[in-house]
């Protein structure tokens, strides 16, 4: 098809290549991934992973994109995934191998792509959902600070805190402006819109250079591979747009491909996290290596876990998390006190010190609502799914009641939108021409957290286990990825412009955090034993005494005097401006601040 007719169906060779690519089966055996940083060694082993095309019943089949659905479905099965987290010494060797974080876990992923036309290379809607039946994590006291370090790395990468050093600040800024990359969901300033649009125009113009005219057959064949993620260079369906006079405009600078709607979901039926304390044990022989013995002290169990992310470029990002039920219970002994050993003969109800929500049996499979694993979802019934991509309808549809009806224990909704003040809904800024004035964009960030029926029982066993985990998490010497810079307010020599003042009077970008607790019950019991003098100094930043800790003999006494607090509802709201330094600078420059 010629560039002037992008919607014409492809030729025989192109359709044949597309059909072959859409039905390629990929099998990977014995996949090993390893990440090393400082003394952290993280390795992921997957025995086998297979990707293949399926039909509307998610069964293996030979399929092609055809009208009227224009849908392509794929499945990825991962078998026996094992994740290990170990600590190496100064020479780079691992002295003691810890228990695996995750051992032989299998999960499956469903991919659903929706296209606007048969000749489209980029899907308009992308859904990637992963399902795990059982997830069993094991974390030792030595692995806990390393695990938190990896989580901090992921957060720092998301917010762009890891990158160029201060000495390379100018070069990094220029590179960032040239690339125009930005993570959706972040609080992005208005300059990022202009830089992103400018970079896409440069990429488009570079893609049409004469040096790319003599491309090989591999590049020619690869050009017909359907893309999974939108890129700025593709989307030739809109190269020639219709102008107001009815003609065709061939100006490439007026076109930027529309961002696809991306939905990513993770679902788990049952999950458990077991915390362990380790100690070294020497053999009788002098030359025999030391062994690490672990002891379970705490277990956190969850049911019906959901993590969903919905995004469409920079203007819209939403993340929802929740679970149906959760409980935490004590295991065996802690710090030499054998309060829950097998010979104590205590009930399981006594070990539970935290419970929230309800059981999965009574709630049902509501956590899978509208996912690719829900037989009632639109995609599994041949219906095109509809998405809410504006803040007004989102807040009306996903209320506190709706979230608790679906989950029952915990519901988190993080919404970030970038909307045009002149109209409602997420705007497509790419359709603006260079002569048009960029409209005022309203940025909002809303975090809503709801915790359902909550029962907390604070006794000696629970308090000592919680504080012990806190001390283990603080036992490290890692430097932070990004030191928070001191906020310095620059004194503006000139007064604020009328445009800036009117913009602030109309709208100020804010971050709103809402926290709600429902039916909270907290019971504080009399102490049965007290070893806090060995834990509190570490938490307060002081060194603990190196002497031996005298362990009292545990005696089971019932009933214990206790104090109980009950609250029906607690609401906490916190609002801060997104760009506080800029706001302070502008307001301080006014002759008569409000």
Foldseek 3Di string as FASTA:
>chain_A
DDLVCLQDDDDPVLQVLQLCLLFDKDKDAFDKDWDDDDFKIKIKTFGMKMKGWDDLVRHGDRDAQDPDFRKTKMKMKTWWIWMFIFTADPVGHGQAGDDTQWTTFIKMKMWMFHCPHRSDQEGQEIEIEIEGAETEGEAELQRQQVVVVVVLVVVCVQQVLFDDDPVCVVVVVVVCLLVLDHHAPDDDDPVSVVSNLVNLLVLQVVVPDPVCVPDDVVVVSVVSHRDHFDDSNDDSVPQWPADPVRHTDNDNSLDTDWFHKYKYKYWYAKYKYWYWYWDWDDDPDPPDRIHIDIDTFKMKMFGTWMWMWIDTPHFKIKIKIAGAKIWMFTDADDLPAGPHHPVVPDDRVVGTFKIFHDDCVVLDNLSCPLHPPDCPHQSSVSHDDDDDAFDVVVPVVDDPVVQCSSHVFKMKMKIKGKPFPVDTGHDDPSNDDPPDDDGDIAIEIEIEMEGHAMGGEDEQSVVSVVLVSVLSNLPDDDDRSHDDDDDDADADPAADDPVVVVSVVVHFYKHKYKYKYAWYKYKYWDYQDDPCLQRVCSVVPHDGDPDDDDDDHGDDDPDTDMDMDIDGMDMDMDMDTPDVSVVCNNQVRDPDRD
